[in-house]
Amino acid sequence: KNFGGPEVLELAEVADPLPAPGEVLVEVSLAGVNYRDTHLSEVGTL
């Protein structure tokens, strides 16, 4: 909800995504964590 360090990562309950035309809904078994993700939360430059 706010840019910053790892402390801004919050566990939340949110609405299920609604697939748009041409999309499929995937029940996630594993989500990858990449170095780029740390840039996204810290500076929000993407």
ModelCIF file with pLDDT and N, C-alpha, C, O atoms, coordinates in Angstrom:
data_MODEL
#
_entry.id   MODEL 
#
_entity.id                         1 
_entity.type                       polymer 
_entity.pdbx_number_of_molecules   1 
#
_entity_poly.entity_id                      1 
_entity_poly.type                           'polypeptide(L)' 
_entity_poly.nstd_linkage                   no 
_entity_poly.nstd_monomer                   no 
_entity_poly.pdbx_seq_one_letter_code       KNFGGPEVLELAEVADPLPAPGEVLVEVSLAGVNYRDTHLSEVGTL 
_entity_poly.pdbx_seq_one_letter_code_can   KNFGGPEVLELAEVADPLPAPGEVLVEVSLAGVNYRDTHLSEVGTL 
_entity_poly.pdbx_strand_id                 A 
#
loop_
_entity_poly_seq.entity_id 
_entity_poly_seq.num 
_entity_poly_seq.mon_id 
_entity_poly_seq.hetero 
1 1  LYS n 
1 2  ASN n 
1 3  PHE n 
1 4  GLY n 
1 5  GLY n 
1 6  PRO n 
1 7  GLU n 
1 8  VAL n 
1 9  LEU n 
1 10 GLU n 
1 11 LEU n 
1 12 ALA n 
1 13 GLU n 
1 14 VAL n 
1 15 ALA n 
1 16 ASP n 
1 17 PRO n 
1 18 LEU n 
1 19 PRO n 
1 20 ALA n 
1 21 PRO n 
1 22 GLY n 
1 23 GLU n 
1 24 VAL n 
1 25 LEU n 
1 26 VAL n 
1 27 GLU n 
1 28 VAL n 
1 29 SER n 
1 30 LEU n 
1 31 ALA n 
1 32 GLY n 
1 33 VAL n 
1 34 ASN n 
1 35 TYR n 
1 36 ARG n 
1 37 ASP n 
1 38 THR n 
1 39 HIS n 
1 40 LEU n 
1 41 SER n 
1 42 GLU n 
1 43 VAL n 
1 44 GLY n 
1 45 THR n 
1 46 LEU n 
#
_struct_asym.id          A 
_struct_asym.entity_id   1 
#
loop_
_ma_qa_metric.id 
_ma_qa_metric.mode 
_ma_qa_metric.name 
_ma_qa_metric.software_group_id 
_ma_qa_metric.type 
1 global pLDDT . pLDDT 
2 local  pLDDT . pLDDT 
#
_ma_qa_metric_global.metric_id      1 
_ma_qa_metric_global.metric_value   87.26 
_ma_qa_metric_global.model_id       1 
_ma_qa_metric_global.ordinal_id     1 
#
loop_
_ma_qa_metric_local.label_asym_id 
_ma_qa_metric_local.label_comp_id 
_ma_qa_metric_local.label_seq_id 
_ma_qa_metric_local.metric_id 
_ma_qa_metric_local.metric_value 
_ma_qa_metric_local.model_id 
_ma_qa_metric_local.ordinal_id 
A LYS 1  2 91.00 1 1  
A ASN 2  2 87.00 1 2  
A PHE 3  2 84.00 1 3  
A GLY 4  2 85.00 1 4  
A GLY 5  2 87.00 1 5  
A PRO 6  2 91.00 1 6  
A GLU 7  2 92.00 1 7  
A VAL 8  2 92.00 1 8  
A LEU 9  2 95.00 1 9  
A GLU 10 2 95.00 1 10 
A LEU 11 2 96.00 1 11 
A ALA 12 2 95.00 1 12 
A GLU 13 2 96.00 1 13 
A VAL 14 2 96.00 1 14 
A ALA 15 2 95.00 1 15 
A ASP 16 2 95.00 1 16 
A PRO 17 2 95.00 1 17 
A LEU 18 2 94.00 1 18 
A PRO 19 2 95.00 1 19 
A ALA 20 2 95.00 1 20 
A PRO 21 2 96.00 1 21 
A GLY 22 2 94.00 1 22 
A GLU 23 2 96.00 1 23 
A VAL 24 2 96.00 1 24 
A LEU 25 2 97.00 1 25 
A VAL 26 2 98.00 1 26 
A GLU 27 2 98.00 1 27 
A VAL 28 2 98.00 1 28 
A SER 29 2 98.00 1 29 
A LEU 30 2 98.00 1 30 
A ALA 31 2 98.00 1 31 
A GLY 32 2 97.00 1 32 
A VAL 33 2 95.00 1 33 
A ASN 34 2 89.00 1 34 
A TYR 35 2 84.00 1 35 
A ARG 36 2 81.00 1 36 
A ASP 37 2 85.00 1 37 
A THR 38 2 81.00 1 38 
A HIS 39 2 74.00 1 39 
A LEU 40 2 71.00 1 40 
A SER 41 2 65.00 1 41 
A GLU 42 2 64.00 1 42 
A VAL 43 2 58.00 1 43 
A GLY 44 2 51.00 1 44 
A THR 45 2 50.00 1 45 
A LEU 46 2 51.00 1 46 
#
loop_
_atom_site.group_PDB 
_atom_site.id 
_atom_site.type_symbol 
_atom_site.label_atom_id 
_atom_site.label_alt_id 
_atom_site.label_comp_id 
_atom_site.label_asym_id 
_atom_site.label_entity_id 
_atom_site.label_seq_id 
_atom_site.pdbx_PDB_ins_code 
_atom_site.Cartn_x 
_atom_site.Cartn_y 
_atom_site.Cartn_z 
_atom_site.occupancy 
_atom_site.B_iso_or_equiv 
_atom_site.pdbx_formal_charge 
_atom_site.auth_seq_id 
_atom_site.auth_comp_id 
_atom_site.auth_asym_id 
_atom_site.auth_atom_id 
_atom_site.pdbx_PDB_model_num 
ATOM 1   N N  . LYS A 1 1  ? 0.822   -1.216  0.000   1.00 91.00 ? 1  LYS A N  1 
ATOM 2   C CA . LYS A 1 1  ? 0.000   0.000   0.000   1.00 91.00 ? 1  LYS A CA 1 
ATOM 3   C C  . LYS A 1 1  ? 0.854   1.265   0.000   1.00 91.00 ? 1  LYS A C  1 
ATOM 4   O O  . LYS A 1 1  ? 0.383   2.347   -0.348  1.00 91.00 ? 1  LYS A O  1 
ATOM 5   N N  . ASN A 1 2  ? 2.111   1.111   0.394   1.00 87.00 ? 2  ASN A N  1 
ATOM 6   C CA . ASN A 1 2  ? 3.057   2.228   0.384   1.00 87.00 ? 2  ASN A CA 1 
ATOM 7   C C  . ASN A 1 2  ? 4.406   1.692   -0.058  1.00 87.00 ? 2  ASN A C  1 
ATOM 8   O O  . ASN A 1 2  ? 4.748   0.555   0.265   1.00 87.00 ? 2  ASN A O  1 
ATOM 9   N N  . PHE A 1 3  ? 5.187   2.486   -0.793  1.00 84.00 ? 3  PHE A N  1 
ATOM 10  C CA . PHE A 1 3  ? 6.512   2.050   -1.200  1.00 84.00 ? 3  PHE A CA 1 
ATOM 11  C C  . PHE A 1 3  ? 7.474   2.169   -0.025  1.00 84.00 ? 3  PHE A C  1 
ATOM 12  O O  . PHE A 1 3  ? 7.361   3.079   0.796   1.00 84.00 ? 3  PHE A O  1 
ATOM 13  N N  . GLY A 1 4  ? 8.404   1.253   0.042   1.00 85.00 ? 4  GLY A N  1 
ATOM 14  C CA . GLY A 1 4  ? 9.381   1.234   1.118   1.00 85.00 ? 4  GLY A CA 1 
ATOM 15  C C  . GLY A 1 4  ? 10.161  -0.054  1.092   1.00 85.00 ? 4  GLY A C  1 
ATOM 16  O O  . GLY A 1 4  ? 10.298  -0.681  0.042   1.00 85.00 ? 4  GLY A O  1 
ATOM 17  N N  . GLY A 1 5  ? 10.677  -0.458  2.243   1.00 87.00 ? 5  GLY A N  1 
ATOM 18  C CA . GLY A 1 5  ? 11.433  -1.692  2.360   1.00 87.00 ? 5  GLY A CA 1 
ATOM 19  C C  . GLY A 1 5  ? 10.517  -2.889  2.570   1.00 87.00 ? 5  GLY A C  1 
ATOM 20  O O  . GLY A 1 5  ? 9.313   -2.797  2.328   1.00 87.00 ? 5  GLY A O  1 
ATOM 21  N N  . PRO A 1 6  ? 11.072  -4.007  3.017   1.00 91.00 ? 6  PRO A N  1 
ATOM 22  C CA . PRO A 1 6  ? 10.249  -5.210  3.228   1.00 91.00 ? 6  PRO A CA 1 
ATOM 23  C C  . PRO A 1 6  ? 9.086   -5.000  4.187   1.00 91.00 ? 6  PRO A C  1 
ATOM 24  O O  . PRO A 1 6  ? 8.107   -5.746  4.150   1.00 91.00 ? 6  PRO A O  1 
ATOM 25  N N  . GLU A 1 7  ? 9.187   -3.983  5.050   1.00 92.00 ? 7  GLU A N  1 
ATOM 26  C CA . GLU A 1 7  ? 8.114   -3.756  6.023   1.00 92.00 ? 7  GLU A CA 1 
ATOM 27  C C  . GLU A 1 7  ? 6.787   -3.359  5.373   1.00 92.00 ? 7  GLU A C  1 
ATOM 28  O O  . GLU A 1 7  ? 5.744   -3.433  6.023   1.00 92.00 ? 7  GLU A O  1 
ATOM 29  N N  . VAL A 1 8  ? 6.803   -2.938  4.102   1.00 92.00 ? 8  VAL A N  1 
ATOM 30  C CA . VAL A 1 8  ? 5.554   -2.538  3.449   1.00 92.00 ? 8  VAL A CA 1 
ATOM 31  C C  . VAL A 1 8  ? 4.800   -3.730  2.865   1.00 92.00 ? 8  VAL A C  1 
ATOM 32  O O  . VAL A 1 8  ? 3.678   -3.570  2.383   1.00 92.00 ? 8  VAL A O  1 
ATOM 33  N N  . LEU A 1 9  ? 5.388   -4.904  2.901   1.00 95.00 ? 9  LEU A N  1 
ATOM 34  C CA . LEU A 1 9  ? 4.726   -6.107  2.398   1.00 95.00 ? 9  LEU A CA 1 
ATOM 35  C C  . LEU A 1 9  ? 3.750   -6.598  3.469   1.00 95.00 ? 9  LEU A C  1 
ATOM 36  O O  . LEU A 1 9  ? 4.171   -6.989  4.558   1.00 95.00 ? 9  LEU A O  1 
ATOM 37  N N  . GLU A 1 10 ? 2.461   -6.580  3.168   1.00 95.00 ? 10 GLU A N  1 
ATOM 38  C CA . GLU A 1 10 ? 1.430   -6.920  4.141   1.00 95.00 ? 10 GLU A CA 1 
ATOM 39  C C  . GLU A 1 10 ? 0.582   -8.081  3.648   1.00 95.00 ? 10 GLU A C  1 
ATOM 40  O O  . GLU A 1 10 ? 0.200   -8.127  2.479   1.00 95.00 ? 10 GLU A O  1 
ATOM 41  N N  . LEU A 1 11 ? 0.287   -9.022  4.547   1.00 96.00 ? 11 LEU A N  1 
ATOM 42  C CA . LEU A 1 11 ? -0.635  -10.104 4.225   1.00 96.00 ? 11 LEU A CA 1 
ATOM 43  C C  . LEU A 1 11 ? -2.052  -9.558  4.338   1.00 96.00 ? 11 LEU A C  1 
ATOM 44  O O  . LEU A 1 11 ? -2.424  -8.998  5.369   1.00 96.00 ? 11 LEU A O  1 
ATOM 45  N N  . ALA A 1 12 ? -2.844  -9.721  3.279   1.00 95.00 ? 12 ALA A N  1 
ATOM 46  C CA . ALA A 1 12 ? -4.181  -9.133  3.246   1.00 95.00 ? 12 ALA A CA 1 
ATOM 47  C C  . ALA A 1 12 ? -5.171  -10.109 2.636   1.00 95.00 ? 12 ALA A C  1 
ATOM 48  O O  . ALA A 1 12 ? -4.793  -11.081 1.982   1.00 95.00 ? 12 ALA A O  1 
ATOM 49  N N  . GLU A 1 13 ? -6.444  -9.830  2.863   1.00 96.00 ? 13 GLU A N  1 
ATOM 50  C CA . GLU A 1 13 ? -7.518  -10.562 2.201   1.00 96.00 ? 13 GLU A CA 1 
ATOM 51  C C  . GLU A 1 13 ? -8.100  -9.642  1.146   1.00 96.00 ? 13 GLU A C  1 
ATOM 52  O O  . GLU A 1 13 ? -8.583  -8.554  1.459   1.00 96.00 ? 13 GLU A O  1 
ATOM 53  N N  . VAL A 1 14 ? -8.054  -10.079 -0.101  1.00 96.00 ? 14 VAL A N  1 
ATOM 54  C CA . VAL A 1 14 ? -8.495  -9.247  -1.220  1.00 96.00 ? 14 VAL A CA 1 
ATOM 55  C C  . VAL A 1 14 ? -9.468  -10.036 -2.074  1.00 96.00 ? 14 VAL A C  1 
ATOM 56  O O  . VAL A 1 14 ? -9.575  -11.256 -1.953  1.00 96.00 ? 14 VAL A O  1 
ATOM 57  N N  . ALA A 1 15 ? -10.172 -9.326  -2.936  1.00 95.00 ? 15 ALA A N  1 
ATOM 58  C CA . ALA A 1 15 ? -11.126 -9.980  -3.832  1.00 95.00 ? 15 ALA A CA 1 
ATOM 59  C C  . ALA A 1 15 ? -10.408 -10.849 -4.852  1.00 95.00 ? 15 ALA A C  1 
ATOM 60  O O  . ALA A 1 15 ? -9.319  -10.513 -5.315  1.00 95.00 ? 15 ALA A O  1 
ATOM 61  N N  . ASP A 1 16 ? -11.021 -11.954 -5.190  1.00 95.00 ? 16 ASP A N  1 
ATOM 62  C CA . ASP A 1 16 ? -10.471 -12.799 -6.255  1.00 95.00 ? 16 ASP A CA 1 
ATOM 63  C C  . ASP A 1 16 ? -10.367 -12.001 -7.554  1.00 95.00 ? 16 ASP A C  1 
ATOM 64  O O  . ASP A 1 16 ? -11.234 -11.174 -7.840  1.00 95.00 ? 16 ASP A O  1 
ATOM 65  N N  . PRO A 1 17 ? -9.316  -12.239 -8.344  1.00 95.00 ? 17 PRO A N  1 
ATOM 66  C CA . PRO A 1 17 ? -9.232  -11.568 -9.646  1.00 95.00 ? 17 PRO A CA 1 
ATOM 67  C C  . PRO A 1 17 ? -10.314 -12.083 -10.584 1.00 95.00 ? 17 PRO A C  1 
ATOM 68  O O  . PRO A 1 17 ? -10.673 -13.260 -10.545 1.00 95.00 ? 17 PRO A O  1 
ATOM 69  N N  . LEU A 1 18 ? -10.824 -11.204 -11.418 1.00 94.00 ? 18 LEU A N  1 
ATOM 70  C CA . LEU A 1 18 ? -11.819 -11.584 -12.417 1.00 94.00 ? 18 LEU A CA 1 
ATOM 71  C C  . LEU A 1 18 ? -11.142 -11.644 -13.781 1.00 94.00 ? 18 LEU A C  1 
ATOM 72  O O  . LEU A 1 18 ? -10.757 -10.601 -14.311 1.00 94.00 ? 18 LEU A O  1 
ATOM 73  N N  . PRO A 1 19 ? -10.983 -12.822 -14.364 1.00 95.00 ? 19 PRO A N  1 
ATOM 74  C CA . PRO A 1 19 ? -10.309 -12.918 -15.664 1.00 95.00 ? 19 PRO A CA 1 
ATOM 75  C C  . PRO A 1 19 ? -11.030 -12.116 -16.737 1.00 95.00 ? 19 PRO A C  1 
ATOM 76  O O  . PRO A 1 19 ? -12.252 -12.192 -16.868 1.00 95.00 ? 19 PRO A O  1 
ATOM 77  N N  . ALA A 1 20 ? -10.278 -11.360 -17.489 1.00 95.00 ? 20 ALA A N  1 
ATOM 78  C CA . ALA A 1 20 ? -10.807 -10.631 -18.636 1.00 95.00 ? 20 ALA A CA 1 
ATOM 79  C C  . ALA A 1 20 ? -10.895 -11.588 -19.824 1.00 95.00 ? 20 ALA A C  1 
ATOM 80  O O  . ALA A 1 20 ? -10.354 -12.693 -19.764 1.00 95.00 ? 20 ALA A O  1 
ATOM 81  N N  . PRO A 1 21 ? -11.560 -11.184 -20.889 1.00 96.00 ? 21 PRO A N  1 
ATOM 82  C CA . PRO A 1 21 ? -11.568 -12.037 -22.092 1.00 96.00 ? 21 PRO A CA 1 
ATOM 83  C C  . PRO A 1 21 ? -10.148 -12.390 -22.529 1.00 96.00 ? 21 PRO A C  1 
ATOM 84  O O  . PRO A 1 21 ? -9.290  -11.512 -22.621 1.00 96.00 ? 21 PRO A O  1 
ATOM 85  N N  . GLY A 1 22 ? -9.900  -13.654 -22.794 1.00 94.00 ? 22 GLY A N  1 
ATOM 86  C CA . GLY A 1 22 ? -8.564  -14.099 -23.192 1.00 94.00 ? 22 GLY A CA 1 
ATOM 87  C C  . GLY A 1 22 ? -7.680  -14.464 -22.037 1.00 94.00 ? 22 GLY A C  1 
ATOM 88  O O  . GLY A 1 22 ? -6.526  -14.838 -22.247 1.00 94.00 ? 22 GLY A O  1 
ATOM 89  N N  . GLU A 1 23 ? -8.186  -14.368 -20.792 1.00 96.00 ? 23 GLU A N  1 
ATOM 90  C CA . GLU A 1 23 ? -7.404  -14.732 -19.610 1.00 96.00 ? 23 GLU A CA 1 
ATOM 91  C C  . GLU A 1 23 ? -7.970  -15.990 -18.965 1.00 96.00 ? 23 GLU A C  1 
ATOM 92  O O  . GLU A 1 23 ? -9.139  -16.331 -19.151 1.00 96.00 ? 23 GLU A O  1 
ATOM 93  N N  . VAL A 1 24 ? -7.116  -16.676 -18.201 1.00 96.00 ? 24 VAL A N  1 
ATOM 94  C CA . VAL A 1 24 ? -7.545  -17.840 -17.427 1.00 96.00 ? 24 VAL A CA 1 
ATOM 95  C C  . VAL A 1 24 ? -7.185  -17.602 -15.973 1.00 96.00 ? 24 VAL A C  1 
ATOM 96  O O  . VAL A 1 24 ? -6.197  -16.931 -15.672 1.00 96.00 ? 24 VAL A O  1 
ATOM 97  N N  . LEU A 1 25 ? -7.988  -18.152 -15.071 1.00 97.00 ? 25 LEU A N  1 
ATOM 98  C CA . LEU A 1 25 ? -7.705  -18.040 -13.640 1.00 97.00 ? 25 LEU A CA 1 
ATOM 99  C C  . LEU A 1 25 ? -6.846  -19.228 -13.221 1.00 97.00 ? 25 LEU A C  1 
ATOM 100 O O  . LEU A 1 25 ? -7.186  -20.380 -13.491 1.00 97.00 ? 25 LEU A O  1 
ATOM 101 N N  . VAL A 1 26 ? -5.731  -18.935 -12.558 1.00 98.00 ? 26 VAL A N  1 
ATOM 102 C CA . VAL A 1 26 ? -4.807  -19.980 -12.119 1.00 98.00 ? 26 VAL A CA 1 
ATOM 103 C C  . VAL A 1 26 ? -4.824  -20.049 -10.597 1.00 98.00 ? 26 VAL A C  1 
ATOM 104 O O  . VAL A 1 26 ? -4.627  -19.043 -9.915  1.00 98.00 ? 26 VAL A O  1 
ATOM 105 N N  . GLU A 1 27 ? -5.061  -21.241 -10.077 1.00 98.00 ? 27 GLU A N  1 
ATOM 106 C CA . GLU A 1 27 ? -4.938  -21.512 -8.649  1.00 98.00 ? 27 GLU A CA 1 
ATOM 107 C C  . GLU A 1 27 ? -3.460  -21.745 -8.377  1.00 98.00 ? 27 GLU A C  1 
ATOM 108 O O  . GLU A 1 27 ? -2.895  -22.741 -8.828  1.00 98.00 ? 27 GLU A O  1 
ATOM 109 N N  . VAL A 1 28 ? -2.833  -20.839 -7.646  1.00 98.00 ? 28 VAL A N  1 
ATOM 110 C CA . VAL A 1 28 ? -1.378  -20.811 -7.529  1.00 98.00 ? 28 VAL A CA 1 
ATOM 111 C C  . VAL A 1 28 ? -0.899  -21.834 -6.498  1.00 98.00 ? 28 VAL A C  1 
ATOM 112 O O  . VAL A 1 28 ? -1.350  -21.832 -5.352  1.00 98.00 ? 28 VAL A O  1 
ATOM 113 N N  . SER A 1 29 ? 0.017   -22.703 -6.918  1.00 98.00 ? 29 SER A N  1 
ATOM 114 C CA . SER A 1 29 ? 0.651   -23.636 -5.977  1.00 98.00 ? 29 SER A CA 1 
ATOM 115 C C  . SER A 1 29 ? 1.962   -23.064 -5.445  1.00 98.00 ? 29 SER A C  1 
ATOM 116 O O  . SER A 1 29 ? 2.313   -23.281 -4.285  1.00 98.00 ? 29 SER A O  1 
ATOM 117 N N  . LEU A 1 30 ? 2.689   -22.328 -6.300  1.00 98.00 ? 30 LEU A N  1 
ATOM 118 C CA . LEU A 1 30 ? 3.922   -21.666 -5.884  1.00 98.00 ? 30 LEU A CA 1 
ATOM 119 C C  . LEU A 1 30 ? 4.057   -20.350 -6.645  1.00 98.00 ? 30 LEU A C  1 
ATOM 120 O O  . LEU A 1 30 ? 3.726   -20.262 -7.828  1.00 98.00 ? 30 LEU A O  1 
ATOM 121 N N  . ALA A 1 31 ? 4.546   -19.333 -5.947  1.00 98.00 ? 31 ALA A N  1 
ATOM 122 C CA . ALA A 1 31 ? 4.836   -18.043 -6.573  1.00 98.00 ? 31 ALA A CA 1 
ATOM 123 C C  . ALA A 1 31 ? 6.326   -17.761 -6.428  1.00 98.00 ? 31 ALA A C  1 
ATOM 124 O O  . ALA A 1 31 ? 6.877   -17.888 -5.335  1.00 98.00 ? 31 ALA A O  1 
ATOM 125 N N  . GLY A 1 32 ? 6.977   -17.383 -7.516  1.00 97.00 ? 32 GLY A N  1 
ATOM 126 C CA . GLY A 1 32 ? 8.406   -17.113 -7.481  1.00 97.00 ? 32 GLY A CA 1 
ATOM 127 C C  . GLY A 1 32 ? 8.721   -15.767 -6.848  1.00 97.00 ? 32 GLY A C  1 
ATOM 128 O O  . GLY A 1 32 ? 7.967   -14.804 -6.983  1.00 97.00 ? 32 GLY A O  1 
ATOM 129 N N  . VAL A 1 33 ? 9.858   -15.721 -6.151  1.00 95.00 ? 33 VAL A N  1 
ATOM 130 C CA . VAL A 1 33 ? 10.370  -14.480 -5.576  1.00 95.00 ? 33 VAL A CA 1 
ATOM 131 C C  . VAL A 1 33 ? 11.670  -14.148 -6.294  1.00 95.00 ? 33 VAL A C  1 
ATOM 132 O O  . VAL A 1 33 ? 12.595  -14.959 -6.319  1.00 95.00 ? 33 VAL A O  1 
ATOM 133 N N  . ASN A 1 34 ? 11.740  -12.958 -6.876  1.00 89.00 ? 34 ASN A N  1 
ATOM 134 C CA . ASN A 1 34 ? 12.891  -12.551 -7.670  1.00 89.00 ? 34 ASN A CA 1 
ATOM 135 C C  . ASN A 1 34 ? 13.487  -11.258 -7.132  1.00 89.00 ? 34 ASN A C  1 
ATOM 136 O O  . ASN A 1 34 ? 12.824  -10.496 -6.428  1.00 89.00 ? 34 ASN A O  1 
ATOM 137 N N  . TYR A 1 35 ? 14.743  -11.024 -7.474  1.00 84.00 ? 35 TYR A N  1 
ATOM 138 C CA . TYR A 1 35 ? 15.410  -9.809  -7.018  1.00 84.00 ? 35 TYR A CA 1 
ATOM 139 C C  . TYR A 1 35 ? 14.663  -8.565  -7.489  1.00 84.00 ? 35 TYR A C  1 
ATOM 140 O O  . TYR A 1 35 ? 14.625  -7.553  -6.788  1.00 84.00 ? 35 TYR A O  1 
ATOM 141 N N  . ARG A 1 36 ? 14.080  -8.643  -8.659  1.00 81.00 ? 36 ARG A N  1 
ATOM 142 C CA . ARG A 1 36 ? 13.340  -7.495  -9.185  1.00 81.00 ? 36 ARG A CA 1 
ATOM 143 C C  . ARG A 1 36 ? 12.174  -7.118  -8.268  1.00 81.00 ? 36 ARG A C  1 
ATOM 144 O O  . ARG A 1 36 ? 11.800  -5.947  -8.200  1.00 81.00 ? 36 ARG A O  1 
ATOM 145 N N  . ASP A 1 37 ? 11.601  -8.086  -7.569  1.00 85.00 ? 37 ASP A N  1 
ATOM 146 C CA . ASP A 1 37 ? 10.484  -7.795  -6.667  1.00 85.00 ? 37 ASP A CA 1 
ATOM 147 C C  . ASP A 1 37 ? 10.895  -6.829  -5.560  1.00 85.00 ? 37 ASP A C  1 
ATOM 148 O O  . ASP A 1 37 ? 10.082  -6.022  -5.110  1.00 85.00 ? 37 ASP A O  1 
ATOM 149 N N  . THR A 1 38 ? 12.149  -6.904  -5.117  1.00 81.00 ? 38 THR A N  1 
ATOM 150 C CA . THR A 1 38 ? 12.599  -6.006  -4.053  1.00 81.00 ? 38 THR A CA 1 
ATOM 151 C C  . THR A 1 38 ? 12.664  -4.568  -4.571  1.00 81.00 ? 38 THR A C  1 
ATOM 152 O O  . THR A 1 38 ? 12.412  -3.629  -3.815  1.00 81.00 ? 38 THR A O  1 
ATOM 153 N N  . HIS A 1 39 ? 12.992  -4.389  -5.831  1.00 74.00 ? 39 HIS A N  1 
ATOM 154 C CA . HIS A 1 39 ? 12.988  -3.046  -6.423  1.00 74.00 ? 39 HIS A CA 1 
ATOM 155 C C  . HIS A 1 39 ? 11.570  -2.491  -6.490  1.00 74.00 ? 39 HIS A C  1 
ATOM 156 O O  . HIS A 1 39 ? 11.345  -1.306  -6.246  1.00 74.00 ? 39 HIS A O  1 
ATOM 157 N N  . LEU A 1 40 ? 10.618  -3.359  -6.822  1.00 71.00 ? 40 LEU A N  1 
ATOM 158 C CA . LEU A 1 40 ? 9.236   -2.916  -6.958  1.00 71.00 ? 40 LEU A CA 1 
ATOM 159 C C  . LEU A 1 40 ? 8.702   -2.365  -5.646  1.00 71.00 ? 40 LEU A C  1 
ATOM 160 O O  . LEU A 1 40 ? 8.057   -1.316  -5.630  1.00 71.00 ? 40 LEU A O  1 
ATOM 161 N N  . SER A 1 41 ? 8.964   -3.067  -4.537  1.00 65.00 ? 41 SER A N  1 
ATOM 162 C CA . SER A 1 41 ? 8.431   -2.608  -3.256  1.00 65.00 ? 41 SER A CA 1 
ATOM 163 C C  . SER A 1 41 ? 9.187   -1.406  -2.710  1.00 65.00 ? 41 SER A C  1 
ATOM 164 O O  . SER A 1 41 ? 8.610   -0.567  -2.018  1.00 65.00 ? 41 SER A O  1 
ATOM 165 N N  . GLU A 1 42 ? 10.477  -1.320  -3.019  1.00 64.00 ? 42 GLU A N  1 
ATOM 166 C CA . GLU A 1 42 ? 11.283  -0.264  -2.416  1.00 64.00 ? 42 GLU A CA 1 
ATOM 167 C C  . GLU A 1 42 ? 11.143  1.077   -3.107  1.00 64.00 ? 42 GLU A C  1 
ATOM 168 O O  . GLU A 1 42 ? 11.088  2.109   -2.440  1.00 64.00 ? 42 GLU A O  1 
ATOM 169 N N  . VAL A 1 43 ? 11.085  1.084   -4.423  1.00 58.00 ? 43 VAL A N  1 
ATOM 170 C CA . VAL A 1 43 ? 11.095  2.366   -5.119  1.00 58.00 ? 43 VAL A CA 1 
ATOM 171 C C  . VAL A 1 43 ? 9.916   2.567   -6.052  1.00 58.00 ? 43 VAL A C  1 
ATOM 172 O O  . VAL A 1 43 ? 9.616   3.701   -6.425  1.00 58.00 ? 43 VAL A O  1 
ATOM 173 N N  . GLY A 1 44 ? 9.248   1.502   -6.434  1.00 51.00 ? 44 GLY A N  1 
ATOM 174 C CA . GLY A 1 44 ? 8.090   1.649   -7.295  1.00 51.00 ? 44 GLY A CA 1 
ATOM 175 C C  . GLY A 1 44 ? 8.398   2.291   -8.629  1.00 51.00 ? 44 GLY A C  1 
ATOM 176 O O  . GLY A 1 44 ? 7.648   3.148   -9.098  1.00 51.00 ? 44 GLY A O  1 
ATOM 177 N N  . THR A 1 45 ? 9.494   1.884   -9.245  1.00 50.00 ? 45 THR A N  1 
ATOM 178 C CA . THR A 1 45 ? 9.915   2.535   -10.487 1.00 50.00 ? 45 THR A CA 1 
ATOM 179 C C  . THR A 1 45 ? 9.442   1.818   -11.740 1.00 50.00 ? 45 THR A C  1 
ATOM 180 O O  . THR A 1 45 ? 9.643   2.322   -12.845 1.00 50.00 ? 45 THR A O  1 
ATOM 181 N N  . LEU A 1 46 ? 8.822   0.661   -11.597 1.00 51.00 ? 46 LEU A N  1 
ATOM 182 C CA . LEU A 1 46 ? 8.403   -0.074  -12.778 1.00 51.00 ? 46 LEU A CA 1 
ATOM 183 C C  . LEU A 1 46 ? 7.143   0.558   -13.361 1.00 51.00 ? 46 LEU A C  1 
ATOM 184 O O  . LEU A 1 46 ? 6.624   0.082   -14.371 1.00 51.00 ? 46 LEU A O  1 
#
